[in-house]
């Protein structure tokens, strides 16, 4: 069953963010992940949540998502994370589509 990493990102430093983004993207592919959303325009429909950028990455399953998050490859991206951005990050188990 697919799993999703969902991130609400606020960029702090554009140059460091590009470094983080490049490193994170390279690591995601190694664990079977791919981007579904990567910071497109946001339209608030209800409520008070006003994120600046949303990123959604799909992994084959929760185990692969967790393996990526704890991986040495992603740790390389995390070296610049605090300079590059602040964020909220969640892991969501998907729903199997039948038929």
Protein backbone atom coordinates (compact mmCIF):
# COMPACT_ATOMS: atom_id res chain seq x y z
CA UNK A 1 0.00 0.00 0.00
CA UNK A 2 1.49 3.40 -0.90
CA UNK A 3 2.60 5.84 1.76
CA UNK A 4 3.01 9.59 1.56
CA UNK A 5 5.44 12.05 3.10
CA UNK A 6 3.69 15.43 3.26
CA UNK A 7 5.66 18.54 4.06
CA UNK A 8 4.55 22.12 4.68
CA UNK A 9 7.72 24.09 3.88
CA UNK A 10 8.86 27.64 4.59
CA UNK A 11 12.10 28.57 2.83
CA UNK A 12 14.64 30.40 5.01
CA UNK A 13 17.61 30.62 2.62
CA UNK A 14 17.12 30.17 -1.13
CA UNK A 15 20.66 28.96 -1.88
CA UNK A 16 20.69 26.44 0.97
CA UNK A 17 17.18 25.36 -0.06
CA UNK A 18 18.39 24.46 -3.55
CA UNK A 19 21.17 22.36 -2.03
CA UNK A 20 18.68 20.62 0.28
CA UNK A 21 16.21 20.07 -2.54
CA UNK A 22 18.81 18.53 -4.87
CA UNK A 23 20.13 16.19 -2.18
CA UNK A 24 16.65 15.18 -0.99
CA UNK A 25 15.45 14.45 -4.54
CA UNK A 26 18.42 12.19 -5.22
CA UNK A 27 17.79 10.24 -2.02
CA UNK A 28 14.04 9.85 -2.60
CA UNK A 29 14.53 7.98 -5.87
CA UNK A 30 16.87 5.49 -4.19
CA UNK A 31 14.00 4.36 -1.94
CA UNK A 32 11.37 4.07 -4.64
CA UNK A 33 9.79 7.45 -3.97
CA UNK A 34 8.59 10.06 -6.42
CA UNK A 35 7.11 13.54 -6.16
CA UNK A 36 3.38 14.05 -6.59
CA UNK A 37 3.43 17.71 -5.54
CA UNK A 38 6.48 19.94 -5.36
CA UNK A 39 5.51 23.46 -4.40
CA UNK A 40 2.86 24.52 -6.92
CA UNK A 41 0.34 27.31 -6.35
CA UNK A 42 -1.89 26.88 -3.28
CA UNK A 43 -5.53 27.91 -3.06
CA UNK A 44 -7.04 27.85 0.42
CA UNK A 45 -10.61 26.55 0.29
CA UNK A 46 -11.46 26.29 4.01
CA UNK A 47 -9.95 26.97 7.41
CA UNK A 48 -7.00 29.06 8.50
CA UNK A 49 -4.10 26.97 7.22
CA UNK A 50 -1.94 29.09 4.88
CA UNK A 51 1.14 27.09 3.85
CA UNK A 52 3.69 28.68 1.54
CA UNK A 53 4.74 25.45 -0.18
CA UNK A 54 3.51 21.85 0.00
CA UNK A 55 5.55 18.83 -1.02
CA UNK A 56 4.03 15.35 -1.32
CA UNK A 57 6.20 12.31 -2.02
CA UNK A 58 4.75 8.86 -2.68
CA UNK A 59 6.65 5.74 -1.59
CA UNK A 60 5.71 2.14 -2.35
CA UNK A 61 4.88 1.54 1.34
CA UNK A 62 5.39 2.86 4.86
CA UNK A 63 8.51 0.76 5.37
CA UNK A 64 10.26 2.31 2.34
CA UNK A 65 9.24 5.81 3.46
CA UNK A 66 10.67 5.21 6.94
CA UNK A 67 13.82 3.67 5.45
CA UNK A 68 14.31 6.79 3.32
CA UNK A 69 13.72 9.13 6.27
CA UNK A 70 16.35 7.33 8.34
CA UNK A 71 18.81 6.78 5.49
CA UNK A 72 22.38 8.03 5.24
CA UNK A 73 21.52 9.45 1.80
CA UNK A 74 18.77 11.65 3.24
CA UNK A 75 20.98 12.54 6.22
CA UNK A 76 23.21 14.29 3.66
CA UNK A 77 20.28 16.58 2.79
CA UNK A 78 19.49 17.14 6.46
CA UNK A 79 22.95 18.68 6.94
CA UNK A 80 21.58 21.92 5.40
CA UNK A 81 17.90 21.61 6.36
CA UNK A 82 17.90 23.99 9.32
CA UNK A 83 19.62 26.70 7.30
CA UNK A 84 17.44 26.04 4.24
CA UNK A 85 13.93 25.72 5.64
CA UNK A 86 11.51 25.13 8.44
CA UNK A 87 8.69 22.66 8.00
CA UNK A 88 6.00 20.41 9.32
CA UNK A 89 6.42 16.83 8.09
CA UNK A 90 4.06 13.86 8.35
CA UNK A 91 3.93 10.28 7.11
CA UNK A 92 0.52 9.02 5.97
CA UNK A 93 -0.36 5.45 5.07
CA UNK A 94 -2.32 5.34 1.81
CA UNK A 95 -5.43 3.45 0.83
CA UNK A 96 -5.30 0.46 -1.49
CA UNK A 97 -7.40 1.07 -4.59
CA UNK A 98 -9.59 -1.90 -5.42
CA UNK A 99 -10.62 -2.88 -8.89
